[in-house]
Amino acid sequence: KEVEIEFLGLCTDICVISNVLMVKAALPEAKLI
């Protein structure tokens, strides 16, 4: 599906970056913000 996924939260340098990159791997065509 065409999807846009936005992220906010804590901590940018540990859990945010980890989850964003995992979602990027799971849905490589999703727009991530």
PDB file of all heavy atoms in Angstrom:
ATOM      1  N   LYS A   1       0.848  -1.196   0.000  1.00  0.00           N
ATOM      2  CA  LYS A   1       0.000   0.000   0.000  1.00  0.00           C
ATOM      3  C   LYS A   1       0.879   1.240   0.000  1.00  0.00           C
ATOM      4  O   LYS A   1       2.029   1.217   0.436  1.00  0.00           O
ATOM      5  CB  LYS A   1      -0.901   0.020   1.243  1.00  0.00           C
ATOM      6  CG  LYS A   1      -1.887  -1.122   1.286  1.00  0.00           C
ATOM      7  CD  LYS A   1      -2.742  -1.042   2.529  1.00  0.00           C
ATOM      8  CE  LYS A   1      -3.735  -2.206   2.558  1.00  0.00           C
ATOM      9  NZ  LYS A   1      -4.561  -2.170   3.767  1.00  0.00           N
ATOM     10  N   GLU A   2       0.299   2.333  -0.477  1.00  0.00           N
ATOM     11  CA  GLU A   2       0.996   3.610  -0.388  1.00  0.00           C
ATOM     12  C   GLU A   2       0.842   4.101   1.049  1.00  0.00           C
ATOM     13  O   GLU A   2      -0.278   4.260   1.546  1.00  0.00           O
ATOM     14  CB  GLU A   2       0.387   4.609  -1.371  1.00  0.00           C
ATOM     15  CG  GLU A   2       1.207   5.841  -1.534  1.00  0.00           C
ATOM     16  CD  GLU A   2       0.656   6.758  -2.615  1.00  0.00           C
ATOM     17  OE1 GLU A   2      -0.275   6.360  -3.355  1.00  0.00           O
ATOM     18  OE2 GLU A   2       1.168   7.883  -2.695  1.00  0.00           O
ATOM     19  N   VAL A   3       1.963   4.309   1.718  1.00  0.00           N
ATOM     20  CA  VAL A   3       1.910   4.603   3.145  1.00  0.00           C
ATOM     21  C   VAL A   3       2.962   5.646   3.522  1.00  0.00           C
ATOM     22  O   VAL A   3       4.062   5.656   2.981  1.00  0.00           O
ATOM     23  CB  VAL A   3       2.069   3.302   3.984  1.00  0.00           C
ATOM     24  CG1 VAL A   3       3.403   2.648   3.747  1.00  0.00           C
ATOM     25  CG2 VAL A   3       1.829   3.545   5.444  1.00  0.00           C
ATOM     26  N   GLU A   4       2.555   6.523   4.439  1.00  0.00           N
ATOM     27  CA  GLU A   4       3.458   7.512   5.021  1.00  0.00           C
ATOM     28  C   GLU A   4       3.461   7.266   6.521  1.00  0.00           C
ATOM     29  O   GLU A   4       2.399   7.251   7.152  1.00  0.00           O
ATOM     30  CB  GLU A   4       2.956   8.915   4.711  1.00  0.00           C
ATOM     31  CG  GLU A   4       3.816  10.016   5.286  1.00  0.00           C
ATOM     32  CD  GLU A   4       3.307  11.385   4.891  1.00  0.00           C
ATOM     33  OE1 GLU A   4       3.626  11.830   3.772  1.00  0.00           O
ATOM     34  OE2 GLU A   4       2.570  11.982   5.706  1.00  0.00           O
ATOM     35  N   ILE A   5       4.657   7.072   7.077  1.00  0.00           N
ATOM     36  CA  ILE A   5       4.786   6.747   8.491  1.00  0.00           C
ATOM     37  C   ILE A   5       5.630   7.820   9.163  1.00  0.00           C
ATOM     38  O   ILE A   5       6.777   8.040   8.782  1.00  0.00           O
ATOM     39  CB  ILE A   5       5.413   5.354   8.706  1.00  0.00           C
ATOM     40  CG1 ILE A   5       4.635   4.291   7.920  1.00  0.00           C
ATOM     41  CG2 ILE A   5       5.461   5.014  10.196  1.00  0.00           C
ATOM     42  CD1 ILE A   5       5.277   2.918   7.917  1.00  0.00           C
ATOM     43  N   GLU A   6       5.042   8.467  10.156  1.00  0.00           N
ATOM     44  CA  GLU A   6       5.717   9.511  10.909  1.00  0.00           C
ATOM     45  C   GLU A   6       6.126   8.952  12.273  1.00  0.00           C
ATOM     46  O   GLU A   6       5.431   8.108  12.831  1.00  0.00           O
ATOM     47  CB  GLU A   6       4.786  10.708  11.102  1.00  0.00           C
ATOM     48  CG  GLU A   6       4.294  11.298   9.794  1.00  0.00           C
ATOM     49  CD  GLU A   6       3.321  12.439  10.011  1.00  0.00           C
ATOM     50  OE1 GLU A   6       3.623  13.343  10.820  1.00  0.00           O
ATOM     51  OE2 GLU A   6       2.255  12.430   9.367  1.00  0.00           O
ATOM     52  N   PHE A   7       7.243   9.448  12.790  1.00  0.00           N
ATOM     53  CA  PHE A   7       7.770   8.983  14.069  1.00  0.00           C
ATOM     54  C   PHE A   7       8.055  10.156  14.990  1.00  0.00           C
ATOM     55  O   PHE A   7       8.531  11.206  14.546  1.00  0.00           O
ATOM     56  CB  PHE A   7       9.092   8.225  13.873  1.00  0.00           C
ATOM     57  CG  PHE A   7       8.973   6.956  13.093  1.00  0.00           C
ATOM     58  CD1 PHE A   7       8.977   6.972  11.708  1.00  0.00           C
ATOM     59  CD2 PHE A   7       8.870   5.728  13.742  1.00  0.00           C
ATOM     60  CE1 PHE A   7       8.870   5.790  10.982  1.00  0.00           C
ATOM     61  CE2 PHE A   7       8.772   4.546  13.026  1.00  0.00           C
ATOM     62  CZ  PHE A   7       8.764   4.580  11.638  1.00  0.00           C
ATOM     63  N   LEU A   8       7.805   9.943  16.276  1.00  0.00           N
ATOM     64  CA  LEU A   8       8.221  10.861  17.329  1.00  0.00           C
ATOM     65  C   LEU A   8       8.571  10.027  18.549  1.00  0.00           C
ATOM     66  O   LEU A   8       8.149   8.882  18.654  1.00  0.00           O
ATOM     67  CB  LEU A   8       7.117  11.893  17.643  1.00  0.00           C
ATOM     68  CG  LEU A   8       5.788  11.394  18.193  1.00  0.00           C
ATOM     69  CD1 LEU A   8       5.819  11.129  19.704  1.00  0.00           C
ATOM     70  CD2 LEU A   8       4.709  12.425  17.897  1.00  0.00           C
ATOM     71  N   GLY A   9       9.364  10.587  19.453  1.00  0.00           N
ATOM     72  CA  GLY A   9       9.608   9.862  20.694  1.00  0.00           C
ATOM     73  C   GLY A   9      11.019   9.905  21.208  1.00  0.00           C
ATOM     74  O   GLY A   9      11.821  10.765  20.861  1.00  0.00           O
ATOM     75  N   LEU A  10      11.323   8.887  22.013  1.00  0.00           N
ATOM     76  CA  LEU A  10      12.558   8.816  22.776  1.00  0.00           C
ATOM     77  C   LEU A  10      13.193   7.433  22.637  1.00  0.00           C
ATOM     78  O   LEU A  10      12.481   6.451  22.487  1.00  0.00           O
ATOM     79  CB  LEU A  10      12.245   9.075  24.257  1.00  0.00           C
ATOM     80  CG  LEU A  10      11.539  10.403  24.530  1.00  0.00           C
ATOM     81  CD1 LEU A  10      10.974  10.428  25.933  1.00  0.00           C
ATOM     82  CD2 LEU A  10      12.471  11.563  24.290  1.00  0.00           C
ATOM     83  N   CYS A  11      14.410   7.353  22.733  1.00  0.00           N
ATOM     84  CA  CYS A  11      15.463   8.328  22.550  1.00  0.00           C
ATOM     85  C   CYS A  11      15.896   8.256  21.077  1.00  0.00           C
ATOM     86  O   CYS A  11      16.066   7.162  20.537  1.00  0.00           O
ATOM     87  CB  CYS A  11      16.643   8.016  23.450  1.00  0.00           C
ATOM     88  SG  CYS A  11      16.296   8.223  25.230  1.00  0.00           S
ATOM     89  N   THR A  12      16.088   9.400  20.466  1.00  0.00           N
ATOM     90  CA  THR A  12      16.402   9.469  19.038  1.00  0.00           C
ATOM     91  C   THR A  12      17.544   8.544  18.664  1.00  0.00           C
ATOM     92  O   THR A  12      17.498   7.856  17.647  1.00  0.00           O
ATOM     93  CB  THR A  12      16.809  10.906  18.636  1.00  0.00           C
ATOM     94  OG1 THR A  12      15.990  11.845  19.307  1.00  0.00           O
ATOM     95  CG2 THR A  12      16.727  11.097  17.140  1.00  0.00           C
ATOM     96  N   ASP A  13      18.579   8.542  19.486  1.00  0.00           N
ATOM     97  CA  ASP A  13      19.826   7.858  19.189  1.00  0.00           C
ATOM     98  C   ASP A  13      19.842   6.385  19.583  1.00  0.00           C
ATOM     99  O   ASP A  13      20.830   5.692  19.337  1.00  0.00           O
ATOM    100  CB  ASP A  13      20.987   8.584  19.859  1.00  0.00           C
ATOM    101  CG  ASP A  13      20.665   8.989  21.290  1.00  0.00           C
ATOM    102  OD1 ASP A  13      19.478   8.992  21.683  1.00  0.00           O
ATOM    103  OD2 ASP A  13      21.597   9.326  22.029  1.00  0.00           O
ATOM    104  N   ILE A  14      18.759   5.891  20.154  1.00  0.00           N
ATOM    105  CA  ILE A  14      18.710   4.483  20.531  1.00  0.00           C
ATOM    106  C   ILE A  14      17.447   3.850  19.951  1.00  0.00           C
ATOM    107  O   ILE A  14      17.497   3.157  18.936  1.00  0.00           O
ATOM    108  CB  ILE A  14      18.795   4.287  22.070  1.00  0.00           C
ATOM    109  CG1 ILE A  14      20.088   4.906  22.624  1.00  0.00           C
ATOM    110  CG2 ILE A  14      18.729   2.814  22.433  1.00  0.00           C
ATOM    111  CD1 ILE A  14      20.183   4.928  24.131  1.00  0.00           C
ATOM    112  N   CYS A  15      16.325   4.082  20.568  1.00  0.00           N
ATOM    113  CA  CYS A  15      15.093   3.387  20.171  1.00  0.00           C
ATOM    114  C   CYS A  15      14.416   3.987  18.952  1.00  0.00           C
ATOM    115  O   CYS A  15      13.839   3.257  18.148  1.00  0.00           O
ATOM    116  CB  CYS A  15      14.131   3.312  21.353  1.00  0.00           C
ATOM    117  SG  CYS A  15      14.794   2.277  22.686  1.00  0.00           S
ATOM    118  N   VAL A  16      14.470   5.310  18.778  1.00  0.00           N
ATOM    119  CA  VAL A  16      13.850   5.890  17.578  1.00  0.00           C
ATOM    120  C   VAL A  16      14.589   5.403  16.339  1.00  0.00           C
ATOM    121  O   VAL A  16      13.976   4.854  15.418  1.00  0.00           O
ATOM    122  CB  VAL A  16      13.788   7.433  17.649  1.00  0.00           C
ATOM    123  CG1 VAL A  16      13.300   8.013  16.322  1.00  0.00           C
ATOM    124  CG2 VAL A  16      12.882   7.887  18.794  1.00  0.00           C
ATOM    125  N   ILE A  17      15.893   5.581  16.296  1.00  0.00           N
ATOM    126  CA  ILE A  17      16.651   5.166  15.109  1.00  0.00           C
ATOM    127  C   ILE A  17      16.498   3.664  14.855  1.00  0.00           C
ATOM    128  O   ILE A  17      16.338   3.241  13.712  1.00  0.00           O
ATOM    129  CB  ILE A  17      18.142   5.592  15.188  1.00  0.00           C
ATOM    130  CG1 ILE A  17      18.815   5.441  13.816  1.00  0.00           C
ATOM    131  CG2 ILE A  17      18.885   4.851  16.287  1.00  0.00           C
ATOM    132  CD1 ILE A  17      20.205   6.047  13.755  1.00  0.00           C
ATOM    133  N   SER A  18      16.501   2.865  15.902  1.00  0.00           N
ATOM    134  CA  SER A  18      16.362   1.410  15.742  1.00  0.00           C
ATOM    135  C   SER A  18      15.027   1.066  15.092  1.00  0.00           C
ATOM    136  O   SER A  18      14.964   0.279  14.141  1.00  0.00           O
ATOM    137  CB  SER A  18      16.481   0.702  17.091  1.00  0.00           C
ATOM    138  OG  SER A  18      17.757   0.875  17.636  1.00  0.00           O
ATOM    139  N   ASN A  19      13.947   1.634  15.603  1.00  0.00           N
ATOM    140  CA  ASN A  19      12.621   1.315  15.067  1.00  0.00           C
ATOM    141  C   ASN A  19      12.411   1.872  13.667  1.00  0.00           C
ATOM    142  O   ASN A  19      11.835   1.199  12.811  1.00  0.00           O
ATOM    143  CB  ASN A  19      11.530   1.793  16.034  1.00  0.00           C
ATOM    144  CG  ASN A  19      11.415   0.862  17.205  1.00  0.00           C
ATOM    145  OD1 ASN A  19      10.860  -0.223  17.098  1.00  0.00           O
ATOM    146  ND2 ASN A  19      11.972   1.263  18.344  1.00  0.00           N
ATOM    147  N   VAL A  20      12.889   3.074  13.411  1.00  0.00           N
ATOM    148  CA  VAL A  20      12.739   3.641  12.066  1.00  0.00           C
ATOM    149  C   VAL A  20      13.460   2.766  11.040  1.00  0.00           C
ATOM    150  O   VAL A  20      12.895   2.439   9.990  1.00  0.00           O
ATOM    151  CB  VAL A  20      13.250   5.098  12.013  1.00  0.00           C
ATOM    152  CG1 VAL A  20      13.286   5.613  10.578  1.00  0.00           C
ATOM    153  CG2 VAL A  20      12.394   6.006  12.884  1.00  0.00           C
ATOM    154  N   LEU A  21      14.678   2.363  11.335  1.00  0.00           N
ATOM    155  CA  LEU A  21      15.431   1.559  10.371  1.00  0.00           C
ATOM    156  C   LEU A  21      14.837   0.158  10.217  1.00  0.00           C
ATOM    157  O   LEU A  21      14.856  -0.402   9.110  1.00  0.00           O
ATOM    158  CB  LEU A  21      16.904   1.508  10.750  1.00  0.00           C
ATOM    159  CG  LEU A  21      17.618   2.863  10.611  1.00  0.00           C
ATOM    160  CD1 LEU A  21      19.057   2.761  11.081  1.00  0.00           C
ATOM    161  CD2 LEU A  21      17.525   3.416   9.193  1.00  0.00           C
ATOM    162  N   MET A  22      14.282  -0.388  11.274  1.00  0.00           N
ATOM    163  CA  MET A  22      13.610  -1.690  11.156  1.00  0.00           C
ATOM    164  C   MET A  22      12.354  -1.569  10.289  1.00  0.00           C
ATOM    165  O   MET A  22      12.091  -2.431   9.445  1.00  0.00           O
ATOM    166  CB  MET A  22      13.275  -2.239  12.538  1.00  0.00           C
ATOM    167  CG  MET A  22      14.497  -2.702  13.311  1.00  0.00           C
ATOM    168  SD  MET A  22      14.120  -3.188  15.008  1.00  0.00           S
ATOM    169  CE  MET A  22      13.125  -4.654  14.732  1.00  0.00           C
ATOM    170  N   VAL A  23      11.591  -0.490  10.461  1.00  0.00           N
ATOM    171  CA  VAL A  23      10.403  -0.276   9.629  1.00  0.00           C
ATOM    172  C   VAL A  23      10.830  -0.040   8.185  1.00  0.00           C
ATOM    173  O   VAL A  23      10.185  -0.528   7.248  1.00  0.00           O
ATOM    174  CB  VAL A  23       9.541   0.879  10.180  1.00  0.00           C
ATOM    175  CG1 VAL A  23       8.452   1.279   9.194  1.00  0.00           C
ATOM    176  CG2 VAL A  23       8.926   0.491  11.529  1.00  0.00           C
ATOM    177  N   LYS A  24      11.925   0.671   7.968  1.00  0.00           N
ATOM    178  CA  LYS A  24      12.443   0.894   6.601  1.00  0.00           C
ATOM    179  C   LYS A  24      12.766  -0.445   5.938  1.00  0.00           C
ATOM    180  O   LYS A  24      12.484  -0.632   4.751  1.00  0.00           O
ATOM    181  CB  LYS A  24      13.685   1.792   6.654  1.00  0.00           C
ATOM    182  CG  LYS A  24      14.279   2.126   5.309  1.00  0.00           C
ATOM    183  CD  LYS A  24      13.392   3.071   4.546  1.00  0.00           C
ATOM    184  CE  LYS A  24      14.047   3.547   3.264  1.00  0.00           C
ATOM    185  NZ  LYS A  24      13.095   4.206   2.376  1.00  0.00           N
ATOM    186  N   ALA A  25      13.314  -1.362   6.700  1.00  0.00           N
ATOM    187  CA  ALA A  25      13.625  -2.685   6.144  1.00  0.00           C
ATOM    188  C   ALA A  25      12.346  -3.478   5.858  1.00  0.00           C
ATOM    189  O   ALA A  25      12.267  -4.192   4.866  1.00  0.00           O
ATOM    190  CB  ALA A  25      14.519  -3.456   7.111  1.00  0.00           C
ATOM    191  N   ALA A  26      11.342  -3.346   6.722  1.00  0.00           N
ATOM    192  CA  ALA A  26      10.088  -4.091   6.548  1.00  0.00           C
ATOM    193  C   ALA A  26       9.225  -3.519   5.427  1.00  0.00           C
ATOM    194  O   ALA A  26       8.550  -4.268   4.720  1.00  0.00           O
ATOM    195  CB  ALA A  26       9.298  -4.092   7.855  1.00  0.00           C
ATOM    196  N   LEU A  27       9.255  -2.200   5.267  1.00  0.00           N
ATOM    197  CA  LEU A  27       8.433  -1.516   4.256  1.00  0.00           C
ATOM    198  C   LEU A  27       9.315  -0.528   3.490  1.00  0.00           C
ATOM    199  O   LEU A  27       9.222   0.688   3.673  1.00  0.00           O
ATOM    200  CB  LEU A  27       7.272  -0.777   4.930  1.00  0.00           C
ATOM    201  CG  LEU A  27       6.233  -1.635   5.627  1.00  0.00           C
ATOM    202  CD1 LEU A  27       5.305  -0.782   6.485  1.00  0.00           C
ATOM    203  CD2 LEU A  27       5.442  -2.440   4.612  1.00  0.00           C
ATOM    204  N   PRO A  28      10.181  -1.039   2.616  1.00  0.00           N
ATOM    205  CA  PRO A  28      11.181  -0.177   1.983  1.00  0.00           C
ATOM    206  C   PRO A  28      10.610   0.928   1.099  1.00  0.00           C
ATOM    207  O   PRO A  28      11.273   1.933   0.857  1.00  0.00           O
ATOM    208  CB  PRO A  28      12.039  -1.150   1.168  1.00  0.00           C
ATOM    209  CG  PRO A  28      11.222  -2.381   1.022  1.00  0.00           C
ATOM    210  CD  PRO A  28      10.318  -2.433   2.205  1.00  0.00           C
ATOM    211  N   GLU A  29       9.384   0.790   0.622  1.00  0.00           N
ATOM    212  CA  GLU A  29       8.794   1.819  -0.235  1.00  0.00           C
ATOM    213  C   GLU A  29       7.949   2.822   0.536  1.00  0.00           C
ATOM    214  O   GLU A  29       7.429   3.781  -0.048  1.00  0.00           O
ATOM    215  CB  GLU A  29       7.973   1.171  -1.351  1.00  0.00           C
ATOM    216  CG  GLU A  29       8.821   0.354  -2.319  1.00  0.00           C
ATOM    217  CD  GLU A  29       9.942   1.162  -2.968  1.00  0.00           C
ATOM    218  OE1 GLU A  29       9.697   2.316  -3.390  1.00  0.00           O
ATOM    219  OE2 GLU A  29      11.079   0.653  -3.041  1.00  0.00           O
ATOM    220  N   ALA A  30       7.792   2.633   1.832  1.00  0.00           N
ATOM    221  CA  ALA A  30       7.023   3.581   2.639  1.00  0.00           C
ATOM    222  C   ALA A  30       7.801   4.880   2.771  1.00  0.00           C
ATOM    223  O   ALA A  30       9.027   4.886   2.853  1.00  0.00           O
ATOM    224  CB  ALA A  30       6.742   2.997   4.018  1.00  0.00           C
ATOM    225  N   LYS A  31       7.066   5.987   2.788  1.00  0.00           N
ATOM    226  CA  LYS A  31       7.697   7.276   3.067  1.00  0.00           C
ATOM    227  C   LYS A  31       7.798   7.393   4.584  1.00  0.00           C
ATOM    228  O   LYS A  31       6.789   7.319   5.293  1.00  0.00           O
ATOM    229  CB  LYS A  31       6.871   8.421   2.511  1.00  0.00           C
ATOM    230  CG  LYS A  31       7.457   9.772   2.831  1.00  0.00           C
ATOM    231  CD  LYS A  31       6.651  10.909   2.249  1.00  0.00           C
ATOM    232  CE  LYS A  31       7.272  12.205   2.715  1.00  0.00           C
ATOM    233  NZ  LYS A  31       7.474  13.134   1.651  1.00  0.00           N
ATOM    234  N   LEU A  32       9.018   7.559   5.092  1.00  0.00           N
ATOM    235  CA  LEU A  32       9.246   7.656   6.525  1.00  0.00           C
ATOM    236  C   LEU A  32       9.675   9.075   6.885  1.00  0.00           C
ATOM    237  O   LEU A  32      10.538   9.653   6.221  1.00  0.00           O
ATOM    238  CB  LEU A  32      10.312   6.667   6.980  1.00  0.00           C
ATOM    239  CG  LEU A  32      10.062   5.190   6.672  1.00  0.00           C
ATOM    240  CD1 LEU A  32      11.146   4.328   7.303  1.00  0.00           C
ATOM    241  CD2 LEU A  32       8.694   4.744   7.127  1.00  0.00           C
ATOM    242  N   ILE A  33       9.070   9.602   7.940  1.00  0.00           N
ATOM    243  CA  ILE A  33       9.343  10.958   8.401  1.00  0.00           C
ATOM    244  C   ILE A  33       9.605  10.908   9.899  1.00  0.00           C
ATOM    245  O   ILE A  33       8.809  10.350  10.655  1.00  0.00           O
ATOM    246  CB  ILE A  33       8.141  11.885   8.143  1.00  0.00           C
ATOM    247  CG1 ILE A  33       7.804  11.941   6.651  1.00  0.00           C
ATOM    248  CG2 ILE A  33       8.387  13.282   8.713  1.00  0.00           C
ATOM    249  CD1 ILE A  33       6.447  12.540   6.350  1.00  0.00           C
TER     250      ILE A  33
END
